[in-house]
C-alpha atoms as a PDB file:
ATOM      1  CA  UNK A   1     -10.973 -14.282   8.360  1.00  0.00           C
ATOM      2  CA  UNK A   2      -8.364 -15.418  11.209  1.00  0.00           C
ATOM      3  CA  UNK A   3     -10.155 -15.595  14.870  1.00  0.00           C
ATOM      4  CA  UNK A   4      -8.876 -15.325  17.904  1.00  0.00           C
ATOM      5  CA  UNK A   5      -6.970 -18.478  19.921  1.00  0.00           C
ATOM      6  CA  UNK A   6      -8.837 -19.531  22.746  1.00  0.00           C
ATOM      7  CA  UNK A   7      -5.345 -18.375  24.612  1.00  0.00           C
ATOM      8  CA  UNK A   8      -5.875 -15.145  22.697  1.00  0.00           C
ATOM      9  CA  UNK A   9      -9.337 -15.033  24.475  1.00  0.00           C
ATOM     10  CA  UNK A  10      -7.797 -15.724  27.779  1.00  0.00           C
ATOM     11  CA  UNK A  11      -5.618 -13.120  27.478  1.00  0.00           C
ATOM     12  CA  UNK A  12      -8.448 -10.108  26.519  1.00  0.00           C
ATOM     13  CA  UNK A  13     -10.778 -11.505  28.981  1.00  0.00           C
ATOM     14  CA  UNK A  14      -7.813 -10.937  31.784  1.00  0.00           C
ATOM     15  CA  UNK A  15      -7.793  -7.100  30.471  1.00  0.00           C
ATOM     16  CA  UNK A  16      -3.620  -7.903  30.075  1.00  0.00           C
ATOM     17  CA  UNK A  17      -4.561  -6.226  27.216  1.00  0.00           C
ATOM     18  CA  UNK A  18      -3.462  -3.163  28.516  1.00  0.00           C
ATOM     19  CA  UNK A  19       0.012  -4.061  29.275  1.00  0.00           C
ATOM     20  CA  UNK A  20       2.175  -1.457  27.027  1.00  0.00           C
ATOM     21  CA  UNK A  21       3.372  -4.473  25.085  1.00  0.00           C
ATOM     22  CA  UNK A  22      -0.576  -5.257  23.536  1.00  0.00           C
ATOM     23  CA  UNK A  23      -1.526  -2.562  20.514  1.00  0.00           C
ATOM     24  CA  UNK A  24      -4.270  -1.940  18.005  1.00  0.00           C
ATOM     25  CA  UNK A  25      -2.639  -1.521  15.180  1.00  0.00           C
ATOM     26  CA  UNK A  26      -4.640  -0.512  12.376  1.00  0.00           C
ATOM     27  CA  UNK A  27      -4.406   0.040   7.852  1.00  0.00           C
ATOM     28  CA  UNK A  28      -6.598   1.993   6.808  1.00  0.00           C
ATOM     29  CA  UNK A  29      -7.052   2.801   3.253  1.00  0.00           C
ATOM     30  CA  UNK A  30      -9.333   3.663   0.646  1.00  0.00           C
ATOM     31  CA  UNK A  31     -11.067   0.685   0.435  1.00  0.00           C
ATOM     32  CA  UNK A  32     -10.345  -1.597   3.314  1.00  0.00           C
ATOM     33  CA  UNK A  33      -9.301  -0.533   6.882  1.00  0.00           C
ATOM     34  CA  UNK A  34      -7.723  -3.460   8.020  1.00  0.00           C
ATOM     35  CA  UNK A  35      -7.874  -3.758  12.251  1.00  0.00           C
ATOM     36  CA  UNK A  36      -5.702  -5.941  14.709  1.00  0.00           C
ATOM     37  CA  UNK A  37      -4.770  -6.794  18.258  1.00  0.00           C
ATOM     38  CA  UNK A  38      -0.548  -7.101  18.326  1.00  0.00           C
ATOM     39  CA  UNK A  39       1.555  -8.212  21.214  1.00  0.00           C
ATOM     40  CA  UNK A  40       5.226  -8.432  21.245  1.00  0.00           C
ATOM     41  CA  UNK A  41       6.182 -11.231  22.790  1.00  0.00           C
ATOM     42  CA  UNK A  42       9.378  -9.896  23.538  1.00  0.00           C
ATOM     43  CA  UNK A  43      10.440  -6.621  24.310  1.00  0.00           C
ATOM     44  CA  UNK A  44      14.070  -6.403  23.209  1.00  0.00           C
ATOM     45  CA  UNK A  45      13.847  -4.945  19.382  1.00  0.00           C
ATOM     46  CA  UNK A  46      17.207  -7.323  18.421  1.00  0.00           C
ATOM     47  CA  UNK A  47      14.939 -11.047  18.693  1.00  0.00           C
ATOM     48  CA  UNK A  48      11.441  -9.418  18.586  1.00  0.00           C
ATOM     49  CA  UNK A  49       8.646 -11.338  17.137  1.00  0.00           C
ATOM     50  CA  UNK A  50       4.678 -10.112  17.426  1.00  0.00           C
ATOM     51  CA  UNK A  51       0.974 -12.314  17.066  1.00  0.00           C
ATOM     52  CA  UNK A  52      -1.970 -11.229  15.971  1.00  0.00           C
ATOM     53  CA  UNK A  53      -4.375 -11.748  18.335  1.00  0.00           C
ATOM     54  CA  UNK A  54      -7.318 -10.330  16.989  1.00  0.00           C
ATOM     55  CA  UNK A  55      -7.431  -9.623  13.037  1.00  0.00           C
ATOM     56  CA  UNK A  56     -10.918  -7.659  11.133  1.00  0.00           C
ATOM     57  CA  UNK A  57     -11.198  -6.289   8.160  1.00  0.00           C
ATOM     58  CA  UNK A  58     -14.144  -3.415   7.410  1.00  0.00           C
ATOM     59  CA  UNK A  59     -15.679  -1.726   4.303  1.00  0.00           C
ATOM     60  CA  UNK A  60     -15.052   1.645   5.013  1.00  0.00           C
ATOM     61  CA  UNK A  61     -17.699   2.875   2.843  1.00  0.00           C
ATOM     62  CA  UNK A  62     -19.723   0.774   5.031  1.00  0.00           C
ATOM     63  CA  UNK A  63     -19.251   3.330   8.293  1.00  0.00           C
ATOM     64  CA  UNK A  64     -20.097   7.146   7.946  1.00  0.00           C
ATOM     65  CA  UNK A  65     -16.375   7.797  10.491  1.00  0.00           C
ATOM     66  CA  UNK A  66     -13.059   5.756  10.950  1.00  0.00           C
ATOM     67  CA  UNK A  67     -13.892   6.646  14.727  1.00  0.00           C
ATOM     68  CA  UNK A  68     -17.153   4.409  13.993  1.00  0.00           C
ATOM     69  CA  UNK A  69     -14.908   1.543  12.163  1.00  0.00           C
ATOM     70  CA  UNK A  70     -12.594   0.977  15.151  1.00  0.00           C
ATOM     71  CA  UNK A  71     -15.216   1.633  17.764  1.00  0.00           C
ATOM     72  CA  UNK A  72     -16.347  -1.616  16.241  1.00  0.00           C
ATOM     73  CA  UNK A  73     -13.296  -2.948  16.328  1.00  0.00           C
ATOM     74  CA  UNK A  74     -13.121  -2.648  20.145  1.00  0.00           C
ATOM     75  CA  UNK A  75     -16.650  -3.559  21.266  1.00  0.00           C
ATOM     76  CA  UNK A  76     -15.786  -6.337  18.844  1.00  0.00           C
ATOM     77  CA  UNK A  77     -13.036  -8.043  20.985  1.00  0.00           C
ATOM     78  CA  UNK A  78     -14.020  -5.785  24.321  1.00  0.00           C
ATOM     79  CA  UNK A  79     -10.972  -4.769  24.739  1.00  0.00           C
ATOM     80  CA  UNK A  80      -9.352  -1.529  25.898  1.00  0.00           C
ATOM     81  CA  UNK A  81      -5.984  -1.045  25.108  1.00  0.00           C
ATOM     82  CA  UNK A  82      -2.677   1.010  26.217  1.00  0.00           C
ATOM     83  CA  UNK A  83      -1.698   2.497  22.688  1.00  0.00           C
ATOM     84  CA  UNK A  84      -3.093   2.314  19.195  1.00  0.00           C
ATOM     85  CA  UNK A  85      -1.077   2.447  16.413  1.00  0.00           C
ATOM     86  CA  UNK A  86      -2.775   3.638  12.863  1.00  0.00           C
ATOM     87  CA  UNK A  87      -1.381   3.729   9.702  1.00  0.00           C
ATOM     88  CA  UNK A  88      -3.114   5.816   6.885  1.00  0.00           C
ATOM     89  CA  UNK A  89      -3.688   6.880   3.074  1.00  0.00           C
ATOM     90  CA  UNK A  90      -2.810  10.471   3.289  1.00  0.00           C
ATOM     91  CA  UNK A  91      -0.611  13.404   4.512  1.00  0.00           C
ATOM     92  CA  UNK A  92      -1.080  14.362   8.453  1.00  0.00           C
ATOM     93  CA  UNK A  93      -1.369  17.840   8.211  1.00  0.00           C
ATOM     94  CA  UNK A  94      -2.428  19.606  11.696  1.00  0.00           C
ATOM     95  CA  UNK A  95      -4.517  17.429  13.285  1.00  0.00           C
ATOM     96  CA  UNK A  96      -5.959  16.378  10.017  1.00  0.00           C
ATOM     97  CA  UNK A  97      -4.891  13.554   7.341  1.00  0.00           C
ATOM     98  CA  UNK A  98      -5.119  15.046   3.591  1.00  0.00           C
ATOM     99  CA  UNK A  99      -6.502  12.360   1.576  1.00  0.00           C
ATOM    100  CA  UNK A 100      -8.366  12.165  -1.386  1.00  0.00           C
ATOM    101  CA  UNK A 101      -9.405   8.290  -1.467  1.00  0.00           C
ATOM    102  CA  UNK A 102     -11.165   7.411   2.033  1.00  0.00           C
ATOM    103  CA  UNK A 103     -14.636   7.784   2.263  1.00  0.00           C
ATOM    104  CA  UNK A 104     -14.894   9.845   5.351  1.00  0.00           C
ATOM    105  CA  UNK A 105     -12.498  12.736   6.555  1.00  0.00           C
ATOM    106  CA  UNK A 106     -10.503  12.427   9.646  1.00  0.00           C
ATOM    107  CA  UNK A 107      -9.048  14.098  12.852  1.00  0.00           C
ATOM    108  CA  UNK A 108      -6.504  12.650  14.571  1.00  0.00           C
ATOM    109  CA  UNK A 109      -7.941  14.582  17.387  1.00  0.00           C
ATOM    110  CA  UNK A 110     -11.148  12.804  17.184  1.00  0.00           C
ATOM    111  CA  UNK A 111     -10.161   9.150  16.525  1.00  0.00           C
ATOM    112  CA  UNK A 112      -8.375   9.587  19.585  1.00  0.00           C
ATOM    113  CA  UNK A 113     -11.081  10.772  21.585  1.00  0.00           C
ATOM    114  CA  UNK A 114     -13.491   8.006  20.837  1.00  0.00           C
ATOM    115  CA  UNK A 115     -10.545   5.658  21.064  1.00  0.00           C
ATOM    116  CA  UNK A 116     -10.230   6.633  24.584  1.00  0.00           C
ATOM    117  CA  UNK A 117      -6.912   5.964  24.417  1.00  0.00           C
ATOM    118  CA  UNK A 118      -4.426   8.434  25.978  1.00  0.00           C
ATOM    119  CA  UNK A 119      -1.300   7.212  23.014  1.00  0.00           C
ATOM    120  CA  UNK A 120      -2.409   7.262  19.235  1.00  0.00           C
ATOM    121  CA  UNK A 121      -0.099   7.490  16.749  1.00  0.00           C
ATOM    122  CA  UNK A 122      -0.679   8.168  12.803  1.00  0.00           C
ATOM    123  CA  UNK A 123       1.805   7.023  10.160  1.00  0.00           C
ATOM    124  CA  UNK A 124       1.254   6.986   6.450  1.00  0.00           C
ATOM    125  CA  UNK A 125       0.012   3.734   5.399  1.00  0.00           C
ATOM    126  CA  UNK A 126       3.316   2.603   3.343  1.00  0.00           C
ATOM    127  CA  UNK A 127       5.446   4.329   6.009  1.00  0.00           C
ATOM    128  CA  UNK A 128       4.452   1.073   7.436  1.00  0.00           C
ATOM    129  CA  UNK A 129       3.371  -1.259   4.673  1.00  0.00           C
ATOM    130  CA  UNK A 130       7.475  -0.619   3.733  1.00  0.00           C
ATOM    131  CA  UNK A 131       8.832  -1.300   7.169  1.00  0.00           C
ATOM    132  CA  UNK A 132       7.044  -4.501   7.327  1.00  0.00           C
ATOM    133  CA  UNK A 133       8.563  -5.055   4.058  1.00  0.00           C
ATOM    134  CA  UNK A 134      11.758  -4.634   5.258  1.00  0.00           C
ATOM    135  CA  UNK A 135      11.580  -8.098   7.292  1.00  0.00           C
ATOM    136  CA  UNK A 136       9.986  -9.702   4.873  1.00  0.00           C
ATOM    137  CA  UNK A 137      11.352 -12.854   3.340  1.00  0.00           C
ATOM    138  CA  UNK A 138      12.011 -13.565  -0.088  1.00  0.00           C
ATOM    139  CA  UNK A 139       9.303 -16.543   0.424  1.00  0.00           C
ATOM    140  CA  UNK A 140       6.801 -14.429   0.792  1.00  0.00           C
ATOM    141  CA  UNK A 141       7.376 -12.380  -2.419  1.00  0.00           C
ATOM    142  CA  UNK A 142       7.174 -13.475  -6.317  1.00  0.00           C
ATOM    143  CA  UNK A 143       9.772 -12.299  -8.629  1.00  0.00           C
ATOM    144  CA  UNK A 144       8.938  -9.696 -11.204  1.00  0.00           C
ATOM    145  CA  UNK A 145      12.002  -8.858 -13.140  1.00  0.00           C
ATOM    146  CA  UNK A 146      15.857  -8.527 -12.834  1.00  0.00           C
ATOM    147  CA  UNK A 147      17.790  -9.614 -10.121  1.00  0.00           C
ATOM    148  CA  UNK A 148      16.492 -12.766  -8.231  1.00  0.00           C
ATOM    149  CA  UNK A 149      17.827 -11.226  -5.135  1.00  0.00           C
ATOM    150  CA  UNK A 150      16.957  -8.217  -3.151  1.00  0.00           C
ATOM    151  CA  UNK A 151      20.080  -6.505  -1.555  1.00  0.00           C
ATOM    152  CA  UNK A 152      18.719  -4.987   1.696  1.00  0.00           C
ATOM    153  CA  UNK A 153      22.323  -2.647   2.545  1.00  0.00           C
ATOM    154  CA  UNK A 154      20.974  -0.181  -0.250  1.00  0.00           C
ATOM    155  CA  UNK A 155      18.036   1.941  -0.410  1.00  0.00           C
ATOM    156  CA  UNK A 156      15.417  -0.146  -1.232  1.00  0.00           C
ATOM    157  CA  UNK A 157      11.561   0.796  -3.381  1.00  0.00           C
ATOM    158  CA  UNK A 158       8.133   0.153  -1.532  1.00  0.00           C
ATOM    159  CA  UNK A 159       4.912   0.598  -3.473  1.00  0.00           C
ATOM    160  CA  UNK A 160       1.617  -0.014  -4.722  1.00  0.00           C
ATOM    161  CA  UNK A 161      -2.017   0.682  -6.459  1.00  0.00           C
ATOM    162  CA  UNK A 162      -4.456   0.197  -4.663  1.00  0.00           C
ATOM    163  CA  UNK A 163      -7.646   2.544  -4.232  1.00  0.00           C
ATOM    164  CA  UNK A 164      -4.551   4.916  -4.747  1.00  0.00           C
ATOM    165  CA  UNK A 165      -1.562   4.753  -5.353  1.00  0.00           C
ATOM    166  CA  UNK A 166       1.642   4.652  -2.173  1.00  0.00           C
ATOM    167  CA  UNK A 167       5.289   4.531  -1.993  1.00  0.00           C
ATOM    168  CA  UNK A 168       7.825   4.340   0.387  1.00  0.00           C
ATOM    169  CA  UNK A 169      11.619   4.492   0.246  1.00  0.00           C
ATOM    170  CA  UNK A 170      13.731   1.790   2.793  1.00  0.00           C
ATOM    171  CA  UNK A 171      16.849   3.776   3.962  1.00  0.00           C
ATOM    172  CA  UNK A 172      19.503   0.894   5.317  1.00  0.00           C
ATOM    173  CA  UNK A 173      21.409   1.540   8.499  1.00  0.00           C
ATOM    174  CA  UNK A 174      20.344  -0.268  11.333  1.00  0.00           C
ATOM    175  CA  UNK A 175      18.075  -3.355  12.570  1.00  0.00           C
ATOM    176  CA  UNK A 176      15.665  -0.640  12.310  1.00  0.00           C
ATOM    177  CA  UNK A 177      15.567   0.759   8.895  1.00  0.00           C
ATOM    178  CA  UNK A 178      14.350   4.388   8.557  1.00  0.00           C
ATOM    179  CA  UNK A 179      11.503   4.760   6.076  1.00  0.00           C
ATOM    180  CA  UNK A 180      11.057   8.082   3.577  1.00  0.00           C
ATOM    181  CA  UNK A 181       7.066   7.963   3.118  1.00  0.00           C
ATOM    182  CA  UNK A 182       6.262   9.928  -0.169  1.00  0.00           C
ATOM    183  CA  UNK A 183       3.389  11.249  -1.774  1.00  0.00           C
ATOM    184  CA  UNK A 184       4.357   9.998  -5.529  1.00  0.00           C
ATOM    185  CA  UNK A 185       0.467   9.281  -6.386  1.00  0.00           C
ATOM    186  CA  UNK A 186      -0.375  12.977  -6.521  1.00  0.00           C
ATOM    187  CA  UNK A 187       2.780  13.959  -8.711  1.00  0.00           C
ATOM    188  CA  UNK A 188       1.976  14.717 -12.259  1.00  0.00           C
ATOM    189  CA  UNK A 189       1.594  12.014 -14.256  1.00  0.00           C
ATOM    190  CA  UNK A 190       4.218  11.736 -17.353  1.00  0.00           C
ATOM    191  CA  UNK A 191       3.312  10.209 -20.946  1.00  0.00           C
ATOM    192  CA  UNK A 192       6.108   8.097 -23.000  1.00  0.00           C
ATOM    193  CA  UNK A 193       4.376   6.984 -25.829  1.00  0.00           C
ATOM    194  CA  UNK A 194       2.231   9.372 -27.290  1.00  0.00           C
ATOM    195  CA  UNK A 195      -0.894   6.793 -26.814  1.00  0.00           C
ATOM    196  CA  UNK A 196      -0.019   7.720 -23.669  1.00  0.00           C
ATOM    197  CA  UNK A 197       0.350  11.441 -24.388  1.00  0.00           C
ATOM    198  CA  UNK A 198      -3.575  10.957 -25.997  1.00  0.00           C
ATOM    199  CA  UNK A 199      -4.868   9.347 -22.965  1.00  0.00           C
ATOM    200  CA  UNK A 200      -3.346  12.395 -21.143  1.00  0.00           C
ATOM    201  CA  UNK A 201      -5.042  15.369 -23.010  1.00  0.00           C
ATOM    202  CA  UNK A 202      -8.602  12.710 -22.046  1.00  0.00           C
ATOM    203  CA  UNK A 203      -8.264  12.284 -18.901  1.00  0.00           C
ATOM    204  CA  UNK A 204      -7.095  16.642 -18.652  1.00  0.00           C
ATOM    205  CA  UNK A 205     -10.276  17.794 -18.773  1.00  0.00           C
ATOM    206  CA  UNK A 206     -10.379  21.367 -17.717  1.00  0.00           C
ATOM    207  CA  UNK A 207      -7.750  19.903 -15.181  1.00  0.00           C
ATOM    208  CA  UNK A 208      -4.230  21.148 -15.571  1.00  0.00           C
ATOM    209  CA  UNK A 209      -2.969  18.426 -12.671  1.00  0.00           C
ATOM    210  CA  UNK A 210      -3.265  14.794 -13.364  1.00  0.00           C
ATOM    211  CA  UNK A 211      -1.626  12.546 -10.412  1.00  0.00           C
ATOM    212  CA  UNK A 212      -0.006   9.750 -11.161  1.00  0.00           C
ATOM    213  CA  UNK A 213      -3.283   8.023  -9.446  1.00  0.00           C
ATOM    214  CA  UNK A 214      -5.593   8.884 -12.385  1.00  0.00           C
ATOM    215  CA  UNK A 215      -4.288   6.250 -14.188  1.00  0.00           C
ATOM    216  CA  UNK A 216      -2.186   3.789 -11.551  1.00  0.00           C
ATOM    217  CA  UNK A 217      -4.558   2.812  -9.159  1.00  0.00           C
ATOM    218  CA  UNK A 218      -7.348   1.257  -9.107  1.00  0.00           C
ATOM    219  CA  UNK A 219     -10.431   3.376 -10.004  1.00  0.00           C
ATOM    220  CA  UNK A 220      -7.055   4.216 -12.583  1.00  0.00           C
ATOM    221  CA  UNK A 221      -7.513   1.035 -14.333  1.00  0.00           C
ATOM    222  CA  UNK A 222     -11.435   2.389 -14.915  1.00  0.00           C
ATOM    223  CA  UNK A 223      -9.895   5.829 -16.455  1.00  0.00           C
ATOM    224  CA  UNK A 224      -7.705   4.595 -18.490  1.00  0.00           C
ATOM    225  CA  UNK A 225      -9.973   1.475 -19.703  1.00  0.00           C
ATOM    226  CA  UNK A 226     -12.522   4.400 -20.633  1.00  0.00           C
ATOM    227  CA  UNK A 227     -10.021   6.351 -22.595  1.00  0.00           C
ATOM    228  CA  UNK A 228      -8.964   3.950 -24.198  1.00  0.00           C
ATOM    229  CA  UNK A 229     -12.211   2.899 -24.932  1.00  0.00           C
ATOM    230  CA  UNK A 230     -12.952   6.940 -26.214  1.00  0.00           C
ATOM    231  CA  UNK A 231     -10.005   7.068 -27.979  1.00  0.00           C
ATOM    232  CA  UNK A 232     -10.150   3.317 -30.114  1.00  0.00           C
ATOM    233  CA  UNK A 233     -14.348   4.573 -30.732  1.00  0.00           C
ATOM    234  CA  UNK A 234     -15.785   2.068 -28.512  1.00  0.00           C
ATOM    235  CA  UNK A 235     -18.507   1.920 -26.508  1.00  0.00           C
ATOM    236  CA  UNK A 236     -17.069   1.023 -22.471  1.00  0.00           C
ATOM    237  CA  UNK A 237     -19.228  -2.375 -21.539  1.00  0.00           C
ATOM    238  CA  UNK A 238     -17.527  -2.555 -18.206  1.00  0.00           C
ATOM    239  CA  UNK A 239     -17.753  -1.049 -15.048  1.00  0.00           C
ATOM    240  CA  UNK A 240     -14.952  -2.285 -12.716  1.00  0.00           C
ATOM    241  CA  UNK A 241     -11.548  -2.196 -12.406  1.00  0.00           C
ATOM    242  CA  UNK A 242     -12.120  -6.086 -10.921  1.00  0.00           C
ATOM    243  CA  UNK A 243     -14.074  -6.739 -14.327  1.00  0.00           C
ATOM    244  CA  UNK A 244     -11.469  -5.485 -16.406  1.00  0.00           C
ATOM    245  CA  UNK A 245      -8.452  -7.415 -14.641  1.00  0.00           C
ATOM    246  CA  UNK A 246     -11.069 -10.248 -14.919  1.00  0.00           C
ATOM    247  CA  UNK A 247     -11.182  -9.648 -18.446  1.00  0.00           C
ATOM    248  CA  UNK A 248      -7.711  -9.442 -19.201  1.00  0.00           C
ATOM    249  CA  UNK A 249      -6.700 -13.027 -17.192  1.00  0.00           C
ATOM    250  CA  UNK A 250      -9.100 -13.934 -19.737  1.00  0.00           C
ATOM    251  CA  UNK A 251      -7.995 -12.786 -22.686  1.00  0.00           C
ATOM    252  CA  UNK A 252     -11.234 -11.934 -23.967  1.00  0.00           C
ATOM    253  CA  UNK A 253     -11.652  -8.441 -24.459  1.00  0.00           C
ATOM    254  CA  UNK A 254      -8.929  -6.923 -26.681  1.00  0.00           C
ATOM    255  CA  UNK A 255      -9.695  -3.158 -25.144  1.00  0.00           C
ATOM    256  CA  UNK A 256      -9.216  -5.000 -21.366  1.00  0.00           C
ATOM    257  CA  UNK A 257      -6.119  -6.654 -22.586  1.00  0.00           C
ATOM    258  CA  UNK A 258      -4.873  -3.325 -23.854  1.00  0.00           C
ATOM    259  CA  UNK A 259      -5.863  -1.223 -20.701  1.00  0.00           C
ATOM    260  CA  UNK A 260      -3.093  -3.533 -18.348  1.00  0.00           C
ATOM    261  CA  UNK A 261      -0.816  -3.819 -20.845  1.00  0.00           C
ATOM    262  CA  UNK A 262      -0.694   0.192 -20.946  1.00  0.00           C
ATOM    263  CA  UNK A 263      -0.906   0.114 -16.822  1.00  0.00           C
ATOM    264  CA  UNK A 264       1.893  -2.300 -16.723  1.00  0.00           C
ATOM    265  CA  UNK A 265       4.064  -0.162 -19.024  1.00  0.00           C
ATOM    266  CA  UNK A 266       3.376   3.034 -17.857  1.00  0.00           C
ATOM    267  CA  UNK A 267       3.996   1.755 -14.199  1.00  0.00           C
ATOM    268  CA  UNK A 268       7.034   0.080 -15.618  1.00  0.00           C
ATOM    269  CA  UNK A 269       8.127   4.192 -16.334  1.00  0.00           C
ATOM    270  CA  UNK A 270       6.977   5.454 -13.168  1.00  0.00           C
ATOM    271  CA  UNK A 271       9.068   2.932 -10.574  1.00  0.00           C
ATOM    272  CA  UNK A 272      12.116   2.876 -12.959  1.00  0.00           C
ATOM    273  CA  UNK A 273      11.902   7.491 -12.252  1.00  0.00           C
ATOM    274  CA  UNK A 274      11.634   6.393  -8.283  1.00  0.00           C
ATOM    275  CA  UNK A 275      14.729   3.870  -8.690  1.00  0.00           C
ATOM    276  CA  UNK A 276      16.545   7.143  -9.989  1.00  0.00           C
ATOM    277  CA  UNK A 277      15.145   9.625  -7.658  1.00  0.00           C
ATOM    278  CA  UNK A 278      15.515   7.973  -4.362  1.00  0.00           C
ATOM    279  CA  UNK A 279      18.805   5.801  -5.731  1.00  0.00           C
ATOM    280  CA  UNK A 280      16.642   2.629  -4.678  1.00  0.00           C
ATOM    281  CA  UNK A 281      18.585   0.303  -6.504  1.00  0.00           C
ATOM    282  CA  UNK A 282      17.961  -2.455  -3.635  1.00  0.00           C
ATOM    283  CA  UNK A 283      15.328  -3.155  -5.281  1.00  0.00           C
ATOM    284  CA  UNK A 284      11.344  -2.928  -5.481  1.00  0.00           C
ATOM    285  CA  UNK A 285       8.721  -4.240  -3.577  1.00  0.00           C
ATOM    286  CA  UNK A 286       5.329  -4.109  -5.003  1.00  0.00           C
ATOM    287  CA  UNK A 287       2.302  -4.185  -3.437  1.00  0.00           C
ATOM    288  CA  UNK A 288      -1.327  -2.846  -3.360  1.00  0.00           C
ATOM    289  CA  UNK A 289      -4.839  -4.496  -3.875  1.00  0.00           C
ATOM    290  CA  UNK A 290      -4.688  -3.926  -7.491  1.00  0.00           C
ATOM    291  CA  UNK A 291      -0.967  -5.822  -8.986  1.00  0.00           C
ATOM    292  CA  UNK A 292      -2.083  -9.118  -7.675  1.00  0.00           C
ATOM    293  CA  UNK A 293      -4.658  -9.508  -9.166  1.00  0.00           C
ATOM    294  CA  UNK A 294      -2.623  -9.298 -12.419  1.00  0.00           C
ATOM    295  CA  UNK A 295       0.622 -10.880 -11.154  1.00  0.00           C
ATOM    296  CA  UNK A 296       0.878 -13.311 -14.326  1.00  0.00           C
ATOM    297  CA  UNK A 297       0.317 -10.391 -16.858  1.00  0.00           C
ATOM    298  CA  UNK A 298       2.475  -8.340 -15.054  1.00  0.00           C
ATOM    299  CA  UNK A 299       5.601 -10.375 -15.756  1.00  0.00           C
ATOM    300  CA  UNK A 300       5.157 -11.073 -19.289  1.00  0.00           C
ATOM    301  CA  UNK A 301       4.318  -7.166 -20.164  1.00  0.00           C
ATOM    302  CA  UNK A 302       6.745  -3.855 -20.708  1.00  0.00           C
ATOM    303  CA  UNK A 303       6.471  -3.232 -17.454  1.00  0.00           C
ATOM    304  CA  UNK A 304      10.200  -4.472 -17.141  1.00  0.00           C
ATOM    305  CA  UNK A 305      11.224  -2.820 -20.303  1.00  0.00           C
ATOM    306  CA  UNK A 306       9.902   0.696 -18.976  1.00  0.00           C
ATOM    307  CA  UNK A 307      11.713   0.574 -15.794  1.00  0.00           C
ATOM    308  CA  UNK A 308      15.193   0.103 -17.360  1.00  0.00           C
ATOM    309  CA  UNK A 309      14.447   2.646 -20.337  1.00  0.00           C
ATOM    310  CA  UNK A 310      16.846   5.188 -19.329  1.00  0.00           C
ATOM    311  CA  UNK A 311      19.410   5.879 -21.421  1.00  0.00           C
ATOM    312  CA  UNK A 312      22.449   5.566 -19.248  1.00  0.00           C
ATOM    313  CA  UNK A 313      21.435   3.986 -16.468  1.00  0.00           C
ATOM    314  CA  UNK A 314      19.714   1.316 -18.709  1.00  0.00           C
ATOM    315  CA  UNK A 315      21.634  -1.465 -17.675  1.00  0.00           C
ATOM    316  CA  UNK A 316      21.532  -0.835 -13.534  1.00  0.00           C
ATOM    317  CA  UNK A 317      17.696  -0.674 -14.079  1.00  0.00           C
ATOM    318  CA  UNK A 318      17.916  -3.598 -15.812  1.00  0.00           C
ATOM    319  CA  UNK A 319      19.043  -5.392 -12.852  1.00  0.00           C
ATOM    320  CA  UNK A 320      17.592  -4.220  -9.443  1.00  0.00           C
ATOM    321  CA  UNK A 321      15.241  -6.693  -8.600  1.00  0.00           C
ATOM    322  CA  UNK A 322      11.344  -6.384  -8.501  1.00  0.00           C
ATOM    323  CA  UNK A 323       9.180  -8.953  -6.148  1.00  0.00           C
ATOM    324  CA  UNK A 324       5.611  -8.309  -5.444  1.00  0.00           C
ATOM    325  CA  UNK A 325       4.081  -9.223  -2.226  1.00  0.00           C
ATOM    326  CA  UNK A 326       0.990  -9.821  -0.644  1.00  0.00           C
ATOM    327  CA  UNK A 327      -0.716  -6.941   1.109  1.00  0.00           C
ATOM    328  CA  UNK A 328      -2.686  -8.510   3.433  1.00  0.00           C
ATOM    329  CA  UNK A 329      -2.236  -8.023   6.720  1.00  0.00           C
ATOM    330  CA  UNK A 330       1.342  -6.467   6.181  1.00  0.00           C
ATOM    331  CA  UNK A 331       0.464  -2.673   6.907  1.00  0.00           C
ATOM    332  CA  UNK A 332      -1.337  -4.139  10.223  1.00  0.00           C
ATOM    333  CA  UNK A 333       2.042  -5.967  11.476  1.00  0.00           C
ATOM    334  CA  UNK A 334       4.412  -2.667  10.027  1.00  0.00           C
ATOM    335  CA  UNK A 335       2.170  -0.209  12.192  1.00  0.00           C
ATOM    336  CA  UNK A 336       2.254  -2.465  14.708  1.00  0.00           C
ATOM    337  CA  UNK A 337       5.977  -3.230  14.510  1.00  0.00           C
ATOM    338  CA  UNK A 338       7.305   0.534  13.502  1.00  0.00           C
ATOM    339  CA  UNK A 339       5.420   1.189  16.929  1.00  0.00           C
ATOM    340  CA  UNK A 340       6.769  -1.021  19.227  1.00  0.00           C
ATOM    341  CA  UNK A 341      10.071  -0.470  17.693  1.00  0.00           C
ATOM    342  CA  UNK A 342       9.955   3.623  18.351  1.00  0.00           C
ATOM    343  CA  UNK A 343       7.640   4.178  21.122  1.00  0.00           C
ATOM    344  CA  UNK A 344       9.238   1.208  23.811  1.00  0.00           C
ATOM    345  CA  UNK A 345      12.811   1.714  22.324  1.00  0.00           C
ATOM    346  CA  UNK A 346      13.588   5.465  21.616  1.00  0.00           C
END
């Protein structure tokens, strides 16, 4: 975990962190909360660079509220930043955040009171990640499918599977991209094969609606594995998503291998649908906690074939560049960059 440099510590102790170019930036997912103190080294948007002065990762389940995590971070660094930008999984509805994957409810006003900061902005977590990905280079990513080069002059898609499933569209037009956040993870899961239809029937139970993230997420891997065990008449022996990915990578469990194969192919169909829906032929950026773990399996899976298998648009979809990027601090830097670009320049 990155530690503060002596220079950064001096900055905090002299309380320069209260200046308008230093921000508390957070990326809150269903499993981890990543929080940083970020400084904009140049206030001009055309050449702005960011320096992370402090960075911590917390397990969400270890805390009773988001406010408790943020308070811990503030006490650890002993600073009162002037503003905060929180990228959080979910949909902002009034004062609350609608999210099925966080271990606690989130009230924006309660977070603001707990922080004691006058200016707090909340954005969707994939809005922040897509914003950061806009400034990333090809060297930061792994080629998965399609052409080698991403075309930033066309709409692109950022998508990731973690505790949930997030997606956002990057719409070009200026140095500061427009990001369209979505709740695509909660849209209805669409099967393509007879096996996927059988899996969907198994997952549905009494629910009329089965969202995409019921399969295309970390917990979704476990749901998918258990469904396949039931369909194949086998007793489940794995009970954690990471156990499934590790067994598939080691090729020592047939049902784990099948789970990853079905997961990757189904993900390809889903991504192809989103590319067509948003006209995101400029490229797809994959992120999240799950996909980096299975990158080699994803590359040789049915992902690319299913993404392109959309009839008339097959050739165009086959050329769409798909790259995988490590999530890491992207959400934090994306939240910070979004804040500095919008709040300081608008």
